[in-house]
N, C-alpha and C. Protein backbone atom coordinates (compact mmCIF):
# COMPACT_ATOMS: atom_id res chain seq x y z
N MET A 1 23.25 -15.84 13.81
CA MET A 1 22.91 -16.91 13.03
C MET A 1 22.60 -16.56 11.44
N ASN A 2 23.15 -17.34 10.58
CA ASN A 2 22.91 -16.91 9.25
C ASN A 2 21.64 -16.48 8.86
N GLY A 3 21.09 -15.49 8.02
CA GLY A 3 19.61 -15.38 7.36
C GLY A 3 18.92 -16.01 6.59
N VAL A 4 19.71 -17.03 6.04
CA VAL A 4 19.06 -18.25 5.33
C VAL A 4 18.60 -19.16 6.55
N VAL A 5 19.55 -19.73 7.33
CA VAL A 5 19.18 -20.80 8.25
C VAL A 5 18.57 -19.93 9.10
N GLY A 6 18.29 -19.11 9.46
CA GLY A 6 17.47 -18.00 10.77
C GLY A 6 16.17 -18.28 9.62
N HIS A 7 16.23 -17.85 8.66
CA HIS A 7 14.54 -18.29 8.24
C HIS A 7 14.20 -19.56 7.99
N LYS A 8 14.94 -20.39 7.73
CA LYS A 8 14.47 -22.01 7.63
C LYS A 8 14.27 -22.59 9.22
N LEU A 9 14.85 -21.43 9.98
CA LEU A 9 14.45 -22.55 11.36
C LEU A 9 13.18 -21.72 11.88
N PHE A 10 12.96 -20.61 11.66
CA PHE A 10 11.72 -19.69 11.88
C PHE A 10 10.39 -20.32 11.28
N ARG A 11 10.95 -20.86 10.06
CA ARG A 11 9.50 -21.35 9.42
C ARG A 11 9.26 -22.77 9.87
N LEU A 12 10.62 -23.38 10.47
CA LEU A 12 10.27 -24.71 11.11
C LEU A 12 9.68 -24.61 12.33
N ALA A 13 10.00 -23.87 13.30
CA ALA A 13 9.19 -23.17 14.47
C ALA A 13 7.35 -22.97 14.21
N TYR A 14 7.47 -22.30 12.84
CA TYR A 14 6.21 -22.06 12.75
C TYR A 14 5.29 -23.14 12.44
N ARG A 15 5.97 -24.23 11.83
CA ARG A 15 4.87 -25.33 11.41
C ARG A 15 5.14 -26.58 12.79
N LEU A 16 6.05 -25.89 13.58
CA LEU A 16 5.87 -27.19 14.50
C LEU A 16 4.68 -26.61 15.81
N TYR A 17 4.71 -25.07 15.94
CA TYR A 17 3.71 -24.19 16.30
C TYR A 17 2.42 -24.96 15.75
N GLY A 18 2.40 -25.22 14.46
CA GLY A 18 1.01 -25.18 14.01
C GLY A 18 0.40 -26.61 14.14
N VAL A 19 1.54 -27.69 14.34
CA VAL A 19 1.01 -28.93 14.65
C VAL A 19 0.31 -28.99 16.26
N TYR A 20 0.70 -28.31 17.08
CA TYR A 20 0.71 -27.74 18.50
C TYR A 20 -0.59 -27.43 18.44
N LEU A 21 -0.81 -26.37 17.82
CA LEU A 21 -2.44 -25.93 17.61
C LEU A 21 -3.20 -26.84 17.24
N TRP A 22 -3.34 -27.54 16.24
CA TRP A 22 -3.90 -28.75 15.84
C TRP A 22 -4.36 -29.60 17.10
N ILE A 23 -3.34 -30.06 17.55
CA ILE A 23 -3.18 -31.37 19.13
C ILE A 23 -4.11 -30.47 20.08
N ALA A 24 -3.53 -29.61 20.62
CA ALA A 24 -4.45 -28.51 21.53
C ALA A 24 -5.36 -27.86 21.79
N ARG A 25 -5.35 -27.06 20.00
CA ARG A 25 -6.24 -26.01 19.74
C ARG A 25 -6.55 -25.00 21.38
N PRO A 26 -5.65 -24.75 21.84
CA PRO A 26 -5.82 -23.25 22.96
C PRO A 26 -6.61 -22.10 22.15
N LEU A 27 -6.78 -21.47 23.18
CA LEU A 27 -7.39 -20.06 22.61
C LEU A 27 -6.48 -19.00 23.00
N THR A 28 -6.16 -18.17 21.86
CA THR A 28 -5.29 -17.60 21.91
C THR A 28 -5.28 -15.80 21.45
N MET A 29 -4.61 -14.98 22.18
CA MET A 29 -4.98 -13.70 22.44
C MET A 29 -3.91 -12.73 21.90
N GLY A 30 -4.06 -12.31 20.84
CA GLY A 30 -2.84 -11.42 19.94
C GLY A 30 -3.32 -9.35 19.96
N VAL A 31 -2.54 -8.99 19.33
CA VAL A 31 -2.89 -7.36 18.80
C VAL A 31 -2.25 -7.35 17.34
N ARG A 32 -2.81 -6.48 16.33
CA ARG A 32 -2.12 -5.88 15.63
C ARG A 32 -2.50 -4.33 15.39
N ILE A 33 -1.53 -3.87 14.70
CA ILE A 33 -1.64 -2.21 14.62
C ILE A 33 -1.71 -1.78 13.13
N ILE A 34 -2.84 -1.05 12.87
CA ILE A 34 -2.77 -0.21 11.61
C ILE A 34 -2.11 0.97 11.84
N LEU A 35 -0.91 1.08 11.11
CA LEU A 35 0.19 2.25 11.24
C LEU A 35 -0.09 3.01 9.98
N MET A 36 -0.78 4.18 10.36
CA MET A 36 -1.39 5.01 8.86
C MET A 36 -0.75 5.95 8.65
N ARG A 37 -0.08 6.76 7.80
CA ARG A 37 0.58 8.07 7.66
C ARG A 37 0.17 8.54 6.02
N GLU A 38 -0.06 9.73 5.66
CA GLU A 38 -0.65 10.49 4.69
C GLU A 38 -0.93 9.39 3.76
N GLY A 39 -2.18 8.62 4.19
CA GLY A 39 -2.66 7.61 2.86
C GLY A 39 -2.00 6.58 2.42
N GLU A 40 -0.91 6.19 3.46
CA GLU A 40 0.11 4.60 3.61
C GLU A 40 -0.35 3.91 4.70
N VAL A 41 0.12 2.56 4.54
CA VAL A 41 0.10 2.04 5.45
C VAL A 41 1.16 1.13 5.90
N LEU A 42 1.84 1.16 7.06
CA LEU A 42 3.10 0.33 7.32
C LEU A 42 2.64 -1.22 7.15
N LEU A 43 3.53 -2.53 6.34
CA LEU A 43 3.21 -3.94 6.31
C LEU A 43 4.56 -3.92 6.69
N ILE A 44 4.30 -5.16 6.87
CA ILE A 44 5.48 -6.54 7.09
C ILE A 44 5.43 -7.59 6.47
N ARG A 45 6.88 -8.40 6.03
CA ARG A 45 6.61 -9.10 5.55
C ARG A 45 7.54 -10.10 6.70
N GLN A 46 6.88 -11.21 6.91
CA GLN A 46 7.30 -12.04 8.10
C GLN A 46 8.89 -13.19 7.54
N THR A 47 9.39 -13.44 8.21
CA THR A 47 10.82 -14.51 7.59
C THR A 47 10.14 -15.70 7.23
N TYR A 48 9.04 -16.38 8.23
CA TYR A 48 8.57 -17.79 8.48
C TYR A 48 7.18 -18.00 8.16
N LEU A 49 6.30 -17.01 7.21
CA LEU A 49 5.36 -16.94 6.87
C LEU A 49 5.39 -15.99 5.56
N ASP A 50 4.60 -16.40 4.13
CA ASP A 50 4.21 -15.56 2.87
C ASP A 50 3.40 -14.79 3.35
N GLY A 51 3.48 -13.44 2.21
CA GLY A 51 2.39 -12.55 2.59
C GLY A 51 3.01 -11.54 3.29
N TRP A 52 2.28 -10.39 3.13
CA TRP A 52 2.39 -9.24 3.94
C TRP A 52 1.34 -9.17 4.98
N PHE A 53 1.52 -8.39 6.55
CA PHE A 53 0.89 -8.29 7.48
C PHE A 53 1.07 -7.14 8.34
N MET A 54 0.09 -6.79 9.11
CA MET A 54 0.05 -5.65 9.77
C MET A 54 1.06 -6.31 10.76
N PRO A 55 1.94 -5.10 11.37
CA PRO A 55 2.96 -5.51 12.92
C PRO A 55 1.65 -6.09 14.18
N GLY A 56 1.89 -7.01 14.96
CA GLY A 56 1.43 -7.49 15.75
C GLY A 56 2.09 -8.76 16.41
N GLY A 57 1.65 -9.18 17.47
CA GLY A 57 1.69 -10.60 17.67
C GLY A 57 0.35 -11.14 19.18
N GLY A 58 1.33 -12.12 19.45
CA GLY A 58 1.03 -12.77 21.12
C GLY A 58 1.18 -11.57 22.24
N ILE A 59 0.08 -11.96 22.96
CA ILE A 59 0.39 -11.56 24.43
C ILE A 59 0.72 -11.64 25.57
N GLN A 60 1.57 -11.56 25.97
CA GLN A 60 2.71 -11.85 26.87
C GLN A 60 1.55 -11.90 28.39
N LYS A 61 2.04 -13.18 29.76
CA LYS A 61 1.07 -13.14 30.55
C LYS A 61 1.62 -11.64 31.44
N GLY A 62 0.67 -11.26 31.96
CA GLY A 62 0.77 -10.16 33.00
C GLY A 62 0.53 -8.71 32.06
N GLU A 63 0.47 -8.70 30.52
CA GLU A 63 0.45 -7.72 29.85
C GLU A 63 -0.43 -7.57 29.41
N THR A 64 -1.16 -5.78 29.39
CA THR A 64 -2.56 -5.31 28.75
C THR A 64 -2.34 -5.23 27.25
N LEU A 65 -3.76 -5.08 26.57
CA LEU A 65 -3.65 -5.12 25.28
C LEU A 65 -2.69 -3.90 24.83
N ASP A 66 -2.78 -2.63 25.37
CA ASP A 66 -1.90 -1.65 25.22
C ASP A 66 -0.40 -1.61 25.46
N GLN A 67 -0.09 -2.53 26.37
CA GLN A 67 1.38 -2.82 26.80
C GLN A 67 2.10 -3.45 25.57
N ALA A 68 0.97 -4.32 24.79
CA ALA A 68 1.39 -5.48 24.22
C ALA A 68 1.62 -5.04 22.76
N VAL A 69 0.65 -4.14 22.35
CA VAL A 69 0.46 -3.54 21.08
C VAL A 69 1.55 -2.57 20.73
N ARG A 70 2.24 -1.79 21.81
CA ARG A 70 3.56 -0.97 21.99
C ARG A 70 4.80 -1.85 22.12
N ARG A 71 4.79 -3.20 22.76
CA ARG A 71 5.87 -3.65 22.67
C ARG A 71 6.13 -4.52 21.39
N GLU A 72 5.02 -4.92 21.08
CA GLU A 72 4.93 -5.89 19.26
C GLU A 72 5.46 -4.33 18.01
N ALA A 73 4.88 -3.18 18.29
CA ALA A 73 5.14 -2.60 17.70
C ALA A 73 6.95 -2.01 17.45
N SER A 74 7.63 -1.82 18.99
CA SER A 74 9.03 -1.33 19.07
C SER A 74 9.64 -2.44 18.56
N GLU A 75 9.39 -3.81 19.09
CA GLU A 75 10.15 -5.19 18.43
C GLU A 75 10.32 -5.39 17.25
N GLU A 76 8.96 -5.03 16.76
CA GLU A 76 9.07 -5.68 15.12
C GLU A 76 9.77 -4.73 14.00
N VAL A 77 8.99 -3.42 14.09
CA VAL A 77 9.36 -2.24 13.33
C VAL A 77 10.47 -0.79 14.00
N GLN A 78 10.51 -1.25 15.41
CA GLN A 78 10.83 -0.08 15.97
C GLN A 78 10.04 1.20 15.89
N ALA A 79 8.99 1.38 16.11
CA ALA A 79 8.09 1.90 16.30
C ALA A 79 7.73 2.47 17.58
N GLU A 80 7.70 3.84 17.90
CA GLU A 80 7.18 4.42 19.40
C GLU A 80 5.88 4.82 18.76
N LEU A 81 5.00 4.39 19.45
CA LEU A 81 3.35 4.90 19.39
C LEU A 81 3.02 5.84 20.36
N GLY A 82 2.24 6.74 19.79
CA GLY A 82 1.72 7.80 20.94
C GLY A 82 0.31 7.26 20.80
N SER A 83 -0.47 8.42 20.07
CA SER A 83 -1.88 7.93 20.86
C SER A 83 -2.57 6.56 20.14
N LEU A 84 -3.20 5.75 20.56
CA LEU A 84 -3.95 4.31 20.10
C LEU A 84 -5.67 4.44 19.78
N GLU A 85 -5.87 3.89 19.17
CA GLU A 85 -7.34 3.99 18.98
C GLU A 85 -7.86 2.16 18.63
N LEU A 86 -8.64 1.79 19.31
CA LEU A 86 -8.80 0.62 19.53
C LEU A 86 -10.18 0.30 18.15
N ILE A 87 -9.92 -0.14 17.32
CA ILE A 87 -10.61 -0.59 15.95
C ILE A 87 -11.51 -1.36 16.43
N GLY A 88 -11.37 -2.45 17.01
CA GLY A 88 -12.13 -3.54 17.18
C GLY A 88 -11.63 -5.32 17.67
N VAL A 89 -12.40 -6.22 17.71
CA VAL A 89 -11.66 -7.88 18.13
C VAL A 89 -12.28 -8.37 17.44
N PHE A 90 -11.14 -9.13 16.61
CA PHE A 90 -11.47 -9.98 15.27
C PHE A 90 -10.82 -11.73 15.76
N SER A 91 -12.04 -12.41 14.93
CA SER A 91 -11.74 -13.59 15.45
C SER A 91 -10.52 -14.67 13.94
N SER A 92 -10.14 -15.60 14.16
CA SER A 92 -9.71 -16.18 13.17
C SER A 92 -9.73 -18.01 13.43
N PHE A 93 -10.14 -18.93 12.66
CA PHE A 93 -10.67 -20.23 12.79
C PHE A 93 -9.48 -20.96 11.97
N ASP A 94 -8.86 -20.15 10.97
CA ASP A 94 -7.76 -21.03 10.08
C ASP A 94 -6.76 -21.12 10.42
N GLU A 95 -6.22 -22.81 9.94
CA GLU A 95 -4.91 -23.23 10.46
C GLU A 95 -5.18 -23.76 12.01
N SER A 96 -6.28 -24.68 12.23
CA SER A 96 -6.57 -25.19 13.47
C SER A 96 -6.51 -23.80 14.46
N LYS A 97 -6.78 -22.75 14.41
CA LYS A 97 -6.83 -21.65 15.64
C LYS A 97 -7.82 -21.46 16.15
N ASN A 98 -7.67 -20.97 16.87
CA ASN A 98 -8.99 -20.62 17.80
C ASN A 98 -8.21 -18.83 18.52
N ASP A 99 -8.17 -18.39 17.59
CA ASP A 99 -7.46 -16.88 17.69
C ASP A 99 -8.41 -15.77 17.63
N HIS A 100 -7.94 -14.85 18.83
CA HIS A 100 -8.62 -13.42 18.85
C HIS A 100 -7.44 -12.52 18.68
N THR A 101 -7.95 -11.60 18.44
CA THR A 101 -7.17 -10.46 17.75
C THR A 101 -7.56 -8.93 18.37
N ALA A 102 -6.75 -8.33 18.73
CA ALA A 102 -7.34 -6.76 19.19
C ALA A 102 -7.00 -6.06 18.11
N LEU A 103 -7.68 -5.23 17.53
CA LEU A 103 -6.82 -4.39 16.32
C LEU A 103 -6.98 -2.82 16.99
N PHE A 104 -5.69 -2.48 16.43
CA PHE A 104 -5.67 -0.94 17.14
C PHE A 104 -5.29 0.03 15.60
N ALA A 105 -4.70 1.41 15.84
CA ALA A 105 -4.54 2.05 14.75
C ALA A 105 -3.81 3.48 15.44
N SER A 106 -2.75 3.40 14.96
CA SER A 106 -1.98 5.13 15.44
C SER A 106 -1.86 5.56 14.28
N ASN A 107 -2.02 7.04 14.10
CA ASN A 107 -1.09 7.84 13.08
C ASN A 107 -0.20 8.82 13.54
N GLU A 108 -0.04 8.65 14.95
CA GLU A 108 1.09 9.25 15.88
C GLU A 108 2.32 8.10 16.10
N PHE A 109 3.33 7.92 15.30
CA PHE A 109 4.44 7.28 15.92
C PHE A 109 5.80 7.72 15.04
N THR A 110 6.72 7.06 15.83
CA THR A 110 8.19 7.46 15.07
C THR A 110 8.55 5.79 15.08
N LEU A 111 9.62 5.84 13.16
CA LEU A 111 10.13 4.77 13.26
C LEU A 111 11.61 4.62 13.78
N GLY A 112 12.32 3.81 14.02
CA GLY A 112 13.94 4.12 14.53
C GLY A 112 14.73 3.38 13.20
N GLY A 113 14.02 2.91 12.24
CA GLY A 113 14.61 2.51 11.15
C GLY A 113 15.44 1.25 11.17
N GLY A 114 14.83 0.23 11.84
CA GLY A 114 14.92 -0.61 11.54
C GLY A 114 13.92 -2.07 12.15
N HIS A 115 14.22 -3.19 12.27
CA HIS A 115 13.17 -4.07 12.38
C HIS A 115 13.98 -5.21 12.95
N ASP A 116 13.27 -6.21 13.71
CA ASP A 116 13.52 -7.41 14.19
C ASP A 116 13.58 -8.78 13.29
N ARG A 117 14.61 -9.61 13.82
CA ARG A 117 14.92 -10.74 12.99
C ARG A 117 13.89 -11.63 12.46
N GLU A 118 12.89 -11.51 12.73
CA GLU A 118 11.71 -12.29 12.41
C GLU A 118 10.55 -11.51 11.08
N VAL A 119 11.13 -10.53 11.04
CA VAL A 119 10.84 -9.38 9.82
C VAL A 119 11.88 -9.19 8.60
N ALA A 120 11.37 -9.74 7.49
CA ALA A 120 12.09 -9.89 6.42
C ALA A 120 12.11 -8.36 5.81
N GLU A 121 11.19 -7.73 5.88
CA GLU A 121 11.04 -6.16 5.33
C GLU A 121 9.63 -5.90 5.63
N ILE A 122 10.07 -4.08 5.94
CA ILE A 122 8.82 -3.15 6.15
C ILE A 122 8.93 -2.13 5.18
N ARG A 123 7.77 -2.17 4.64
CA ARG A 123 6.93 -1.37 3.51
C ARG A 123 5.99 -0.34 4.10
N PHE A 124 5.97 1.07 3.40
CA PHE A 124 4.49 1.71 3.54
C PHE A 124 3.90 1.46 2.02
N PHE A 125 2.47 1.17 2.34
CA PHE A 125 1.92 1.17 0.49
C PHE A 125 0.73 1.83 0.74
N PRO A 126 0.35 2.69 -0.33
CA PRO A 126 -0.86 3.15 -0.15
C PRO A 126 -2.17 2.29 -0.02
N VAL A 127 -2.63 3.12 0.33
CA VAL A 127 -4.01 2.01 1.01
C VAL A 127 -4.92 1.49 -0.30
N ASP A 128 -4.59 2.29 -1.48
CA ASP A 128 -5.54 2.37 -2.83
C ASP A 128 -4.60 1.14 -3.49
N ALA A 129 -3.51 0.82 -3.06
CA ALA A 129 -2.44 -0.04 -3.68
C ALA A 129 -1.83 -0.89 -2.92
N LEU A 130 -3.08 -1.58 -2.00
CA LEU A 130 -2.04 -2.88 -0.69
C LEU A 130 -1.51 -3.91 -2.23
N PRO A 131 -0.79 -5.00 -1.35
CA PRO A 131 0.42 -6.27 -2.17
C PRO A 131 -1.08 -7.01 -2.12
N PRO A 132 -0.99 -7.72 -3.23
CA PRO A 132 -1.90 -8.72 -3.55
C PRO A 132 -2.06 -9.77 -2.61
N ASP A 133 -0.93 -10.29 -2.02
CA ASP A 133 -0.72 -11.13 -0.84
C ASP A 133 -0.82 -10.91 0.55
N LEU A 134 -1.89 -9.84 0.35
CA LEU A 134 -2.01 -9.26 1.70
C LEU A 134 -3.70 -10.19 2.08
N LYS A 135 -3.58 -10.58 3.72
CA LYS A 135 -5.15 -11.33 3.58
C LYS A 135 -6.13 -10.93 3.57
N PRO A 136 -7.30 -11.03 3.21
CA PRO A 136 -8.36 -10.05 2.68
C PRO A 136 -8.87 -9.62 4.43
N GLY A 137 -9.14 -10.18 5.13
CA GLY A 137 -9.30 -9.68 6.27
C GLY A 137 -8.58 -7.91 6.82
N TYR A 138 -7.33 -8.58 6.51
CA TYR A 138 -6.59 -7.17 6.68
C TYR A 138 -7.09 -6.26 5.82
N ARG A 139 -6.81 -6.55 4.55
CA ARG A 139 -7.39 -5.45 3.33
C ARG A 139 -8.53 -5.13 3.82
N LEU A 140 -9.54 -5.36 4.09
CA LEU A 140 -10.92 -5.11 4.78
C LEU A 140 -10.78 -3.78 5.84
N ARG A 141 -10.01 -4.51 6.78
CA ARG A 141 -9.68 -3.38 7.98
C ARG A 141 -9.00 -2.52 7.36
N ILE A 142 -8.23 -2.25 6.97
CA ILE A 142 -7.22 -1.49 6.03
C ILE A 142 -8.22 -0.02 5.64
N SER A 143 -8.67 -0.53 4.76
CA SER A 143 -9.59 0.30 3.62
C SER A 143 -10.71 0.43 4.76
N GLU A 144 -11.61 -0.20 5.55
CA GLU A 144 -12.37 0.52 6.28
C GLU A 144 -12.05 1.61 7.39
N TYR A 145 -10.65 1.42 7.88
CA TYR A 145 -10.17 2.38 8.69
C TYR A 145 -9.85 3.31 7.98
N ALA A 146 -9.46 3.59 6.91
CA ALA A 146 -9.00 4.85 6.04
C ALA A 146 -9.88 5.52 5.45
N HIS A 147 -11.15 4.67 4.97
CA HIS A 147 -12.49 5.70 4.84
C HIS A 147 -12.96 6.36 5.90
N SER A 148 -12.73 5.61 7.04
CA SER A 148 -13.44 6.36 8.24
C SER A 148 -12.61 7.75 8.53
N LEU A 149 -11.07 7.45 8.11
CA LEU A 149 -10.11 8.76 8.12
C LEU A 149 -10.80 9.94 7.55
N SER A 150 -11.33 9.58 5.96
CA SER A 150 -11.44 9.98 5.03
C SER A 150 -12.71 11.22 5.40
N GLY A 151 -13.92 10.38 5.83
CA GLY A 151 -15.20 11.11 6.04
C GLY A 151 -15.98 10.81 5.08
N GLN A 152 -15.26 10.41 3.72
CA GLN A 152 -15.96 10.68 2.39
C GLN A 152 -17.29 9.76 2.32
N ASP A 153 -17.02 8.72 2.44
CA ASP A 153 -18.32 7.77 2.27
C ASP A 153 -18.89 7.63 3.85
N PRO A 154 -19.92 8.15 4.34
CA PRO A 154 -20.66 7.87 5.66
C PRO A 154 -20.95 6.26 5.67
N ALA A 155 -21.48 6.46 4.31
CA ALA A 155 -22.33 4.64 4.45
C ALA A 155 -21.41 3.46 4.85
N ILE A 156 -20.19 3.31 4.55
CA ILE A 156 -19.29 2.28 5.00
C ILE A 156 -19.38 2.16 6.46
N VAL A 157 -19.53 1.04 7.02
CA VAL A 157 -19.81 0.65 8.04
C VAL A 157 -18.35 -0.08 8.37
N VAL A 158 -17.21 0.25 9.52
CA VAL A 158 -16.45 -0.40 10.13
C VAL A 158 -17.01 -1.27 11.33
N LYS A 159 -16.46 -2.45 10.60
CA LYS A 159 -17.07 -3.43 11.53
C LYS A 159 -15.89 -4.07 13.04
N ARG A 160 -16.47 -3.89 14.03
CA ARG A 160 -16.23 -3.96 15.29
C ARG A 160 -15.98 -4.87 15.84
N PHE A 161 -16.18 -5.90 15.45
CA PHE A 161 -16.21 -7.65 15.83
C PHE A 161 -16.43 -8.36 14.91
N GLY A 162 -15.98 -9.71 14.92
CA GLY A 162 -16.18 -10.72 13.90
C GLY A 162 -14.88 -11.41 13.64
N GLU A 163 -15.01 -12.19 12.50
CA GLU A 163 -13.95 -12.89 11.60
C GLU A 163 -12.93 -11.88 11.17
N TRP A 164 -11.60 -12.46 11.19
CA TRP A 164 -10.96 -11.70 10.19
C TRP A 164 -11.28 -12.04 8.39
């Protein structure tokens, strides 16, 4: 499938999924992961949504959180993950969603050098120079996690639950 046509089909499918969410209002559960190395975080730009995101996605039936985050990292950015840290569980009610996401972090990973067709681009960003079109909740979680690693400001509280 040609890249431009494929991107348009992914966007259309995502919009149709939005209509389904608005009508059915299902409870969804997903995973996201902060992949950080040397003060930089890996983010993805998807073909069907604008902006930058942490790698992740939905949990498949019969899959554990650990299995889901490892599968999503492998599929989206060809990452093999070492140890994982559960950061927290967060909710989003935007776009008619009733979405809950388990957020993980890993500093132990290897990248295979590619990505799947739903991902337009992967890039590392310095934690203090994140892209402007990163969702505010993602920006906050990345900042909290980076501060927890640095140990420089113990007054910063890492939020474990709540809304994105």
